[in-house]
Amino acid sequence: MVLLAALVSLGCVLASVRRLLLALEPGGVDAEALLPSLRDADALVRVRSALEASGLRGGAAALLHATGEEDASYRAARIDEELLEVDWTMQRWARVPRVTASIATSGGFLCACVLMIRALSGTEELPLAAALGALGLGLAGASFCAAVHVRMRGLVRVRRTASDRLVERLRALTAP
């Protein structure tokens, strides 16, 4: 039962880590880091060609690729589409840390209760430490998941602001 509680908590922690990685770099390129290098239209062309050579395609890189379209209305539509894609990527798995915190806690409590029922029924002689261990593992997994959830709220807000600023700069540089 302690092993089961550990596996449930580990699964929850891994799912929360996946959410953390999705929010940290949704497209491989940080929009905030690109802003200082985009001073004028020539810099935009240089950065876009460097990103095309690197092969990056998601997130801020896709926003820059969209600025290479010849038709202004098509370019604006592509930029809007890529901005929606970046926003969706940042919001993907948004509820996972909160849900996994609940699952880890419930799993730890369930395993601890089963161990206590077995011990009290007299069928097995299990120490109280095993039940407390299962409970502790569940609470440890829940604590990690809750910390990821709290951190993600601020991080997604910062990333979204940086993406919005990048789009504003790109629209200003590609305006006819």
N, C-alpha and C. Protein backbone atom coordinates (compact mmCIF):
# COMPACT_ATOMS: atom_id res chain seq x y z
N MET A 1 0.82 -1.20 0.00
CA MET A 1 0.00 0.00 0.00
C MET A 1 0.86 1.27 0.00
N VAL A 2 1.97 1.21 0.70
CA VAL A 2 2.87 2.36 0.71
C VAL A 2 3.45 2.57 -0.68
N LEU A 3 3.78 1.47 -1.34
CA LEU A 3 4.29 1.55 -2.70
C LEU A 3 3.23 2.12 -3.65
N LEU A 4 2.00 1.73 -3.47
CA LEU A 4 0.92 2.25 -4.29
C LEU A 4 0.76 3.76 -4.09
N ALA A 5 0.82 4.20 -2.83
CA ALA A 5 0.74 5.63 -2.55
C ALA A 5 1.91 6.37 -3.19
N ALA A 6 3.09 5.77 -3.16
CA ALA A 6 4.26 6.39 -3.78
C ALA A 6 4.09 6.49 -5.30
N LEU A 7 3.53 5.45 -5.91
CA LEU A 7 3.33 5.47 -7.36
C LEU A 7 2.29 6.51 -7.78
N VAL A 8 1.22 6.62 -7.01
CA VAL A 8 0.19 7.62 -7.31
C VAL A 8 0.78 9.02 -7.18
N SER A 9 1.53 9.27 -6.13
CA SER A 9 2.14 10.58 -5.94
C SER A 9 3.16 10.88 -7.03
N LEU A 10 3.94 9.89 -7.40
CA LEU A 10 4.93 10.08 -8.46
C LEU A 10 4.25 10.40 -9.78
N GLY A 11 3.19 9.71 -10.10
CA GLY A 11 2.44 10.01 -11.33
C GLY A 11 1.89 11.42 -11.33
N CYS A 12 1.38 11.85 -10.19
CA CYS A 12 0.86 13.21 -10.07
C CYS A 12 1.97 14.25 -10.22
N VAL A 13 3.09 13.99 -9.61
CA VAL A 13 4.23 14.91 -9.71
C VAL A 13 4.71 15.00 -11.16
N LEU A 14 4.80 13.88 -11.84
CA LEU A 14 5.25 13.88 -13.24
C LEU A 14 4.28 14.64 -14.14
N ALA A 15 2.98 14.50 -13.91
CA ALA A 15 2.00 15.25 -14.69
C ALA A 15 2.14 16.75 -14.43
N SER A 16 2.40 17.13 -13.19
CA SER A 16 2.58 18.55 -12.88
C SER A 16 3.87 19.09 -13.48
N VAL A 17 4.91 18.28 -13.51
CA VAL A 17 6.17 18.70 -14.14
C VAL A 17 5.95 18.92 -15.64
N ARG A 18 5.15 18.06 -16.26
CA ARG A 18 4.82 18.23 -17.68
C ARG A 18 4.12 19.56 -17.89
N ARG A 19 3.21 19.91 -17.03
CA ARG A 19 2.52 21.20 -17.11
C ARG A 19 3.50 22.35 -16.95
N LEU A 20 4.42 22.20 -16.03
CA LEU A 20 5.43 23.23 -15.80
C LEU A 20 6.27 23.43 -17.06
N LEU A 21 6.68 22.36 -17.71
CA LEU A 21 7.48 22.47 -18.92
C LEU A 21 6.70 23.10 -20.07
N LEU A 22 5.43 22.80 -20.18
CA LEU A 22 4.61 23.41 -21.22
C LEU A 22 4.49 24.92 -21.02
N ALA A 23 4.41 25.35 -19.78
CA ALA A 23 4.27 26.77 -19.52
C ALA A 23 5.59 27.52 -19.62
N LEU A 24 6.69 26.85 -19.31
CA LEU A 24 7.98 27.53 -19.36
C LEU A 24 8.38 27.91 -20.77
N GLU A 25 8.34 26.98 -21.68
CA GLU A 25 8.71 27.24 -23.06
C GLU A 25 7.67 26.65 -23.99
N PRO A 26 6.57 27.36 -24.22
CA PRO A 26 5.52 26.78 -25.04
C PRO A 26 5.92 26.58 -26.49
N GLY A 27 6.89 27.32 -26.98
CA GLY A 27 7.25 27.18 -28.38
C GLY A 27 8.73 27.09 -28.64
N GLY A 28 9.52 27.00 -27.60
CA GLY A 28 10.96 26.88 -27.79
C GLY A 28 11.70 28.20 -27.83
N VAL A 29 10.99 29.31 -28.05
CA VAL A 29 11.63 30.62 -28.10
C VAL A 29 10.89 31.54 -27.14
N ASP A 30 11.63 32.24 -26.32
CA ASP A 30 11.04 33.14 -25.34
C ASP A 30 10.73 34.48 -26.00
N ALA A 31 9.47 34.89 -25.96
CA ALA A 31 9.05 36.14 -26.58
C ALA A 31 9.74 37.33 -25.94
N GLU A 32 9.94 37.28 -24.63
CA GLU A 32 10.60 38.38 -23.92
C GLU A 32 12.04 38.56 -24.38
N ALA A 33 12.72 37.46 -24.69
CA ALA A 33 14.11 37.54 -25.15
C ALA A 33 14.21 38.07 -26.58
N LEU A 34 13.17 37.90 -27.37
CA LEU A 34 13.19 38.38 -28.76
C LEU A 34 12.96 39.88 -28.87
N LEU A 35 12.23 40.45 -27.95
CA LEU A 35 11.84 41.86 -28.06
C LEU A 35 13.03 42.82 -28.24
N PRO A 36 14.10 42.72 -27.46
CA PRO A 36 15.20 43.68 -27.65
C PRO A 36 15.87 43.60 -29.02
N SER A 37 15.84 42.42 -29.65
CA SER A 37 16.51 42.28 -30.94
C SER A 37 15.65 42.76 -32.10
N LEU A 38 14.39 43.06 -31.89
CA LEU A 38 13.49 43.50 -32.95
C LEU A 38 13.34 45.02 -32.92
N ARG A 39 14.36 45.71 -33.37
CA ARG A 39 14.33 47.18 -33.33
C ARG A 39 13.71 47.79 -34.58
N ASP A 40 13.96 47.17 -35.74
CA ASP A 40 13.44 47.69 -36.99
C ASP A 40 13.12 46.54 -37.93
N ALA A 41 12.65 46.87 -39.14
CA ALA A 41 12.25 45.83 -40.10
C ALA A 41 13.43 44.97 -40.54
N ASP A 42 14.62 45.57 -40.66
CA ASP A 42 15.79 44.78 -41.05
C ASP A 42 16.15 43.75 -39.97
N ALA A 43 16.05 44.17 -38.72
CA ALA A 43 16.32 43.24 -37.61
C ALA A 43 15.29 42.10 -37.61
N LEU A 44 14.06 42.42 -37.95
CA LEU A 44 13.02 41.40 -38.03
C LEU A 44 13.37 40.36 -39.10
N VAL A 45 13.85 40.81 -40.25
CA VAL A 45 14.22 39.89 -41.32
C VAL A 45 15.39 39.02 -40.89
N ARG A 46 16.37 39.61 -40.21
CA ARG A 46 17.54 38.84 -39.74
C ARG A 46 17.13 37.79 -38.71
N VAL A 47 16.32 38.18 -37.75
CA VAL A 47 15.88 37.24 -36.70
C VAL A 47 15.02 36.14 -37.30
N ARG A 48 14.13 36.51 -38.22
CA ARG A 48 13.27 35.51 -38.86
C ARG A 48 14.10 34.51 -39.66
N SER A 49 15.11 34.98 -40.39
CA SER A 49 15.94 34.04 -41.16
C SER A 49 16.78 33.16 -40.24
N ALA A 50 17.22 33.70 -39.11
CA ALA A 50 17.99 32.88 -38.16
C ALA A 50 17.10 31.79 -37.55
N LEU A 51 15.85 32.13 -37.26
CA LEU A 51 14.92 31.13 -36.71
C LEU A 51 14.55 30.09 -37.76
N GLU A 52 14.41 30.51 -39.00
CA GLU A 52 14.13 29.54 -40.07
C GLU A 52 15.29 28.58 -40.24
N ALA A 53 16.51 29.08 -40.12
CA ALA A 53 17.68 28.22 -40.24
C ALA A 53 17.78 27.24 -39.08
N SER A 54 17.30 27.67 -37.90
CA SER A 54 17.37 26.79 -36.73
C SER A 54 16.31 25.70 -36.75
N GLY A 55 15.23 25.92 -37.50
CA GLY A 55 14.19 24.90 -37.62
C GLY A 55 13.11 24.98 -36.56
N LEU A 56 13.14 25.98 -35.69
CA LEU A 56 12.10 26.12 -34.67
C LEU A 56 10.80 26.55 -35.33
N ARG A 57 9.69 25.98 -34.90
CA ARG A 57 8.42 26.25 -35.55
C ARG A 57 7.30 26.70 -34.61
N GLY A 58 7.40 26.55 -33.35
CA GLY A 58 6.28 26.85 -32.46
C GLY A 58 6.45 28.15 -31.71
N GLY A 59 5.38 28.63 -31.11
CA GLY A 59 5.41 29.78 -30.24
C GLY A 59 5.84 31.06 -30.92
N ALA A 60 6.80 31.75 -30.32
CA ALA A 60 7.27 33.03 -30.84
C ALA A 60 7.91 32.86 -32.22
N ALA A 61 8.53 31.72 -32.46
CA ALA A 61 9.13 31.48 -33.77
C ALA A 61 8.05 31.45 -34.85
N ALA A 62 6.91 30.85 -34.56
CA ALA A 62 5.81 30.81 -35.52
C ALA A 62 5.25 32.20 -35.75
N LEU A 63 5.22 33.03 -34.71
CA LEU A 63 4.78 34.41 -34.89
C LEU A 63 5.70 35.14 -35.85
N LEU A 64 6.99 34.93 -35.71
CA LEU A 64 7.94 35.58 -36.62
C LEU A 64 7.83 35.04 -38.03
N HIS A 65 7.59 33.74 -38.19
CA HIS A 65 7.40 33.17 -39.52
C HIS A 65 6.17 33.78 -40.20
N ALA A 66 5.15 34.06 -39.41
CA ALA A 66 3.92 34.62 -39.97
C ALA A 66 4.14 36.02 -40.53
N THR A 67 5.13 36.74 -40.04
CA THR A 67 5.38 38.09 -40.55
C THR A 67 6.00 38.09 -41.94
N GLY A 68 6.42 36.94 -42.42
CA GLY A 68 7.03 36.86 -43.75
C GLY A 68 6.04 36.79 -44.89
N GLU A 69 4.76 36.74 -44.59
CA GLU A 69 3.75 36.67 -45.65
C GLU A 69 3.69 37.99 -46.42
N GLU A 70 3.51 37.89 -47.73
CA GLU A 70 3.48 39.08 -48.61
C GLU A 70 2.19 39.88 -48.46
N ASP A 71 1.05 39.19 -48.47
CA ASP A 71 -0.24 39.86 -48.39
C ASP A 71 -0.49 40.34 -46.97
N ALA A 72 -0.80 41.63 -46.80
CA ALA A 72 -0.95 42.23 -45.47
C ALA A 72 -2.12 41.62 -44.70
N SER A 73 -3.25 41.40 -45.37
CA SER A 73 -4.40 40.84 -44.65
C SER A 73 -4.14 39.38 -44.26
N TYR A 74 -3.47 38.63 -45.13
CA TYR A 74 -3.14 37.25 -44.80
C TYR A 74 -2.11 37.21 -43.67
N ARG A 75 -1.17 38.13 -43.69
CA ARG A 75 -0.15 38.22 -42.64
C ARG A 75 -0.80 38.50 -41.29
N ALA A 76 -1.75 39.44 -41.26
CA ALA A 76 -2.44 39.77 -40.00
C ALA A 76 -3.22 38.56 -39.49
N ALA A 77 -3.86 37.84 -40.41
CA ALA A 77 -4.62 36.66 -40.01
C ALA A 77 -3.69 35.57 -39.47
N ARG A 78 -2.53 35.39 -40.11
CA ARG A 78 -1.57 34.37 -39.64
C ARG A 78 -1.01 34.74 -38.27
N ILE A 79 -0.73 36.03 -38.06
CA ILE A 79 -0.22 36.47 -36.75
C ILE A 79 -1.27 36.21 -35.67
N ASP A 80 -2.53 36.53 -35.97
CA ASP A 80 -3.61 36.27 -35.00
C ASP A 80 -3.75 34.78 -34.72
N GLU A 81 -3.65 33.98 -35.77
CA GLU A 81 -3.76 32.53 -35.59
C GLU A 81 -2.62 31.99 -34.73
N GLU A 82 -1.41 32.45 -34.97
CA GLU A 82 -0.27 31.99 -34.18
C GLU A 82 -0.36 32.47 -32.74
N LEU A 83 -0.90 33.67 -32.54
CA LEU A 83 -1.10 34.16 -31.17
C LEU A 83 -2.10 33.28 -30.42
N LEU A 84 -3.18 32.89 -31.10
CA LEU A 84 -4.14 31.97 -30.48
C LEU A 84 -3.49 30.64 -30.14
N GLU A 85 -2.62 30.15 -31.02
CA GLU A 85 -1.92 28.89 -30.79
C GLU A 85 -0.99 28.99 -29.58
N VAL A 86 -0.27 30.10 -29.45
CA VAL A 86 0.62 30.31 -28.30
C VAL A 86 -0.21 30.36 -27.02
N ASP A 87 -1.33 31.08 -27.07
CA ASP A 87 -2.18 31.18 -25.88
C ASP A 87 -2.74 29.82 -25.50
N TRP A 88 -3.18 29.04 -26.49
CA TRP A 88 -3.71 27.71 -26.20
C TRP A 88 -2.62 26.82 -25.59
N THR A 89 -1.40 26.90 -26.12
CA THR A 89 -0.31 26.08 -25.60
C THR A 89 0.00 26.44 -24.15
N MET A 90 -0.05 27.73 -23.82
CA MET A 90 0.20 28.13 -22.43
C MET A 90 -0.91 27.67 -21.50
N GLN A 91 -2.15 27.61 -21.99
CA GLN A 91 -3.28 27.21 -21.16
C GLN A 91 -3.49 25.70 -21.13
N ARG A 92 -2.80 24.99 -22.03
CA ARG A 92 -2.96 23.54 -22.08
C ARG A 92 -2.52 22.92 -20.77
N TRP A 93 -3.26 21.98 -20.28
CA TRP A 93 -3.00 21.29 -19.02
C TRP A 93 -3.05 22.25 -17.83
N ALA A 94 -3.77 23.35 -17.93
CA ALA A 94 -3.78 24.35 -16.87
C ALA A 94 -4.35 23.80 -15.56
N ARG A 95 -5.32 22.91 -15.64
CA ARG A 95 -5.96 22.39 -14.43
C ARG A 95 -5.24 21.18 -13.86
N VAL A 96 -4.27 20.65 -14.57
CA VAL A 96 -3.62 19.41 -14.15
C VAL A 96 -2.99 19.50 -12.76
N PRO A 97 -2.21 20.53 -12.42
CA PRO A 97 -1.61 20.53 -11.08
C PRO A 97 -2.64 20.55 -9.95
N ARG A 98 -3.72 21.27 -10.15
CA ARG A 98 -4.75 21.32 -9.11
C ARG A 98 -5.44 19.96 -8.97
N VAL A 99 -5.73 19.33 -10.08
CA VAL A 99 -6.39 18.02 -10.04
C VAL A 99 -5.45 16.96 -9.47
N THR A 100 -4.18 16.99 -9.88
CA THR A 100 -3.24 15.98 -9.38
C THR A 100 -2.95 16.18 -7.89
N ALA A 101 -3.03 17.41 -7.40
CA ALA A 101 -2.88 17.62 -5.96
C ALA A 101 -4.01 16.90 -5.22
N SER A 102 -5.20 16.99 -5.75
CA SER A 102 -6.34 16.31 -5.14
C SER A 102 -6.18 14.79 -5.23
N ILE A 103 -5.73 14.31 -6.38
CA ILE A 103 -5.55 12.86 -6.56
C ILE A 103 -4.48 12.33 -5.62
N ALA A 104 -3.37 13.04 -5.50
CA ALA A 104 -2.28 12.58 -4.62
C ALA A 104 -2.75 12.53 -3.16
N THR A 105 -3.48 13.55 -2.73
CA THR A 105 -3.99 13.57 -1.36
C THR A 105 -4.97 12.42 -1.13
N SER A 106 -5.89 12.26 -2.06
CA SER A 106 -6.89 11.19 -1.92
C SER A 106 -6.23 9.82 -1.95
N GLY A 107 -5.25 9.64 -2.82
CA GLY A 107 -4.54 8.37 -2.89
C GLY A 107 -3.80 8.06 -1.61
N GLY A 108 -3.14 9.06 -1.03
CA GLY A 108 -2.44 8.85 0.23
C GLY A 108 -3.39 8.51 1.36
N PHE A 109 -4.51 9.24 1.44
CA PHE A 109 -5.51 8.96 2.48
C PHE A 109 -6.12 7.57 2.30
N LEU A 110 -6.42 7.20 1.07
CA LEU A 110 -7.01 5.91 0.81
C LEU A 110 -6.08 4.77 1.22
N CYS A 111 -4.83 4.86 0.82
CA CYS A 111 -3.86 3.82 1.18
C CYS A 111 -3.66 3.76 2.70
N ALA A 112 -3.60 4.92 3.35
CA ALA A 112 -3.45 4.94 4.80
C ALA A 112 -4.68 4.32 5.48
N CYS A 113 -5.86 4.61 4.98
CA CYS A 113 -7.08 4.04 5.56
C CYS A 113 -7.12 2.52 5.39
N VAL A 114 -6.74 2.04 4.22
CA VAL A 114 -6.73 0.59 4.00
C VAL A 114 -5.74 -0.07 4.95
N LEU A 115 -4.58 0.54 5.13
CA LEU A 115 -3.59 -0.03 6.06
C LEU A 115 -4.12 -0.02 7.50
N MET A 116 -4.79 1.03 7.88
CA MET A 116 -5.35 1.10 9.24
C MET A 116 -6.48 0.08 9.43
N ILE A 117 -7.31 -0.10 8.42
CA ILE A 117 -8.40 -1.09 8.52
C ILE A 117 -7.82 -2.49 8.66
N ARG A 118 -6.80 -2.78 7.88
CA ARG A 118 -6.15 -4.09 7.99
C ARG A 118 -5.55 -4.30 9.37
N ALA A 119 -4.92 -3.26 9.89
CA ALA A 119 -4.29 -3.38 11.20
C ALA A 119 -5.34 -3.54 12.30
N LEU A 120 -6.42 -2.78 12.21
CA LEU A 120 -7.46 -2.85 13.24
C LEU A 120 -8.30 -4.12 13.16
N SER A 121 -8.42 -4.69 11.99
CA SER A 121 -9.21 -5.92 11.86
C SER A 121 -8.46 -7.14 12.38
N GLY A 122 -7.19 -7.00 12.55
CA GLY A 122 -6.40 -8.08 13.10
C GLY A 122 -5.92 -9.08 12.07
N THR A 123 -6.25 -8.85 10.81
CA THR A 123 -5.81 -9.79 9.78
C THR A 123 -4.31 -9.66 9.52
N GLU A 124 -3.81 -8.49 9.67
CA GLU A 124 -2.38 -8.26 9.47
C GLU A 124 -1.87 -7.40 10.61
N GLU A 125 -0.64 -7.59 10.92
CA GLU A 125 -0.03 -6.77 11.95
C GLU A 125 0.88 -5.76 11.28
N LEU A 126 0.31 -4.62 10.99
CA LEU A 126 1.06 -3.58 10.30
C LEU A 126 1.35 -2.45 11.28
N PRO A 127 2.52 -1.92 11.21
CA PRO A 127 2.82 -0.80 12.09
C PRO A 127 2.12 0.47 11.62
N LEU A 128 1.92 1.34 12.56
CA LEU A 128 1.32 2.64 12.27
C LEU A 128 2.21 3.44 11.32
N ALA A 129 3.50 3.17 11.33
CA ALA A 129 4.43 3.90 10.46
C ALA A 129 4.11 3.68 8.99
N ALA A 130 3.63 2.51 8.61
CA ALA A 130 3.28 2.25 7.21
C ALA A 130 2.12 3.14 6.77
N ALA A 131 1.11 3.25 7.63
CA ALA A 131 -0.04 4.10 7.31
C ALA A 131 0.38 5.57 7.24
N LEU A 132 1.20 5.99 8.17
CA LEU A 132 1.68 7.37 8.15
C LEU A 132 2.59 7.62 6.94
N GLY A 133 3.34 6.61 6.55
CA GLY A 133 4.18 6.74 5.36
C GLY A 133 3.35 6.94 4.10
N ALA A 134 2.29 6.16 3.95
CA ALA A 134 1.40 6.30 2.79
C ALA A 134 0.75 7.68 2.79
N LEU A 135 0.30 8.10 3.96
CA LEU A 135 -0.31 9.42 4.08
C LEU A 135 0.70 10.52 3.76
N GLY A 136 1.90 10.38 4.27
CA GLY A 136 2.95 11.37 4.02
C GLY A 136 3.32 11.46 2.55
N LEU A 137 3.39 10.31 1.87
CA LEU A 137 3.70 10.34 0.45
C LEU A 137 2.61 11.04 -0.34
N GLY A 138 1.36 10.80 0.02
CA GLY A 138 0.26 11.49 -0.66
C GLY A 138 0.30 12.99 -0.43
N LEU A 139 0.59 13.38 0.79
CA LEU A 139 0.66 14.82 1.09
C LEU A 139 1.87 15.48 0.44
N ALA A 140 2.98 14.76 0.34
CA ALA A 140 4.16 15.32 -0.32
C ALA A 140 3.89 15.54 -1.81
N GLY A 141 3.26 14.57 -2.46
CA GLY A 141 2.90 14.75 -3.87
C GLY A 141 1.93 15.89 -4.05
N ALA A 142 0.95 16.01 -3.17
CA ALA A 142 -0.02 17.10 -3.26
C ALA A 142 0.64 18.45 -3.04
N SER A 143 1.60 18.52 -2.14
CA SER A 143 2.29 19.78 -1.89
C SER A 143 3.06 20.24 -3.12
N PHE A 144 3.74 19.31 -3.78
CA PHE A 144 4.47 19.66 -5.00
C PHE A 144 3.52 20.15 -6.08
N CYS A 145 2.43 19.43 -6.28
CA CYS A 145 1.46 19.80 -7.31
C CYS A 145 0.83 21.16 -7.02
N ALA A 146 0.53 21.42 -5.76
CA ALA A 146 -0.04 22.72 -5.39
C ALA A 146 0.97 23.84 -5.63
N ALA A 147 2.24 23.58 -5.35
CA ALA A 147 3.27 24.60 -5.60
C ALA A 147 3.38 24.90 -7.09
N VAL A 148 3.31 23.88 -7.92
CA VAL A 148 3.35 24.09 -9.37
C VAL A 148 2.14 24.91 -9.81
N HIS A 149 0.97 24.60 -9.26
CA HIS A 149 -0.24 25.34 -9.61
C HIS A 149 -0.11 26.82 -9.27
N VAL A 150 0.39 27.12 -8.11
CA VAL A 150 0.54 28.52 -7.69
C VAL A 150 1.56 29.23 -8.56
N ARG A 151 2.66 28.56 -8.87
CA ARG A 151 3.71 29.16 -9.70
C ARG A 151 3.22 29.41 -11.12
N MET A 152 2.39 28.54 -11.64
CA MET A 152 1.92 28.65 -13.02
C MET A 152 1.05 29.88 -13.23
N ARG A 153 0.26 30.25 -12.23
CA ARG A 153 -0.61 31.41 -12.40
C ARG A 153 0.19 32.66 -12.76
N GLY A 154 1.26 32.93 -12.02
CA GLY A 154 2.08 34.10 -12.31
C GLY A 154 2.89 33.96 -13.58
N LEU A 155 3.40 32.77 -13.82
CA LEU A 155 4.24 32.54 -14.99
C LEU A 155 3.45 32.68 -16.29
N VAL A 156 2.25 32.14 -16.33
CA VAL A 156 1.43 32.24 -17.54
C VAL A 156 1.05 33.69 -17.79
N ARG A 157 0.79 34.44 -16.75
CA ARG A 157 0.46 35.86 -16.90
C ARG A 157 1.64 36.62 -17.52
N VAL A 158 2.84 36.34 -17.05
CA VAL A 158 4.04 37.00 -17.59
C VAL A 158 4.27 36.59 -19.03
N ARG A 159 4.13 35.31 -19.34
CA ARG A 159 4.33 34.83 -20.72
C ARG A 159 3.30 35.42 -21.67
N ARG A 160 2.06 35.52 -21.22
CA ARG A 160 1.03 36.09 -22.07
C ARG A 160 1.30 37.57 -22.35
N THR A 161 1.74 38.30 -21.35
CA THR A 161 2.08 39.71 -21.55
C THR A 161 3.23 39.86 -22.53
N ALA A 162 4.24 39.01 -22.41
CA ALA A 162 5.38 39.06 -23.33
C ALA A 162 4.94 38.74 -24.76
N SER A 163 4.06 37.78 -24.93
CA SER A 163 3.56 37.45 -26.27
C SER A 163 2.76 38.60 -26.86
N ASP A 164 1.95 39.24 -26.02
CA ASP A 164 1.19 40.39 -26.50
C ASP A 164 2.10 41.53 -26.93
N ARG A 165 3.14 41.78 -26.16
CA ARG A 165 4.10 42.83 -26.52
C ARG A 165 4.84 42.48 -27.81
N LEU A 166 5.17 41.20 -27.98
CA LEU A 166 5.84 40.78 -29.21
C LEU A 166 4.92 40.98 -30.41
N VAL A 167 3.66 40.65 -30.28
CA VAL A 167 2.71 40.82 -31.39
C VAL A 167 2.55 42.30 -31.72
N GLU A 168 2.48 43.14 -30.71
CA GLU A 168 2.39 44.58 -30.97
C GLU A 168 3.62 45.08 -31.72
N ARG A 169 4.78 44.63 -31.33
CA ARG A 169 6.00 45.03 -32.02
C ARG A 169 6.02 44.51 -33.45
N LEU A 170 5.61 43.27 -33.64
CA LEU A 170 5.59 42.70 -34.99
C LEU A 170 4.60 43.42 -35.89
N ARG A 171 3.45 43.77 -35.35
CA ARG A 171 2.46 44.52 -36.15
C ARG A 171 2.98 45.89 -36.51
N ALA A 172 3.70 46.53 -35.58
CA ALA A 172 4.27 47.84 -35.88
C ALA A 172 5.37 47.74 -36.94
N LEU A 173 6.16 46.68 -36.88
CA LEU A 173 7.25 46.54 -37.86
C LEU A 173 6.77 46.11 -39.24
N THR A 174 5.66 45.41 -39.30
CA THR A 174 5.18 44.93 -40.59
C THR A 174 4.03 45.76 -41.14
N ALA A 175 3.70 46.85 -40.48
CA ALA A 175 2.61 47.71 -40.97
C ALA A 175 3.02 48.33 -42.29
N PRO A 176 2.06 48.43 -43.23
CA PRO A 176 2.39 49.02 -44.54
C PRO A 176 2.68 50.50 -44.44
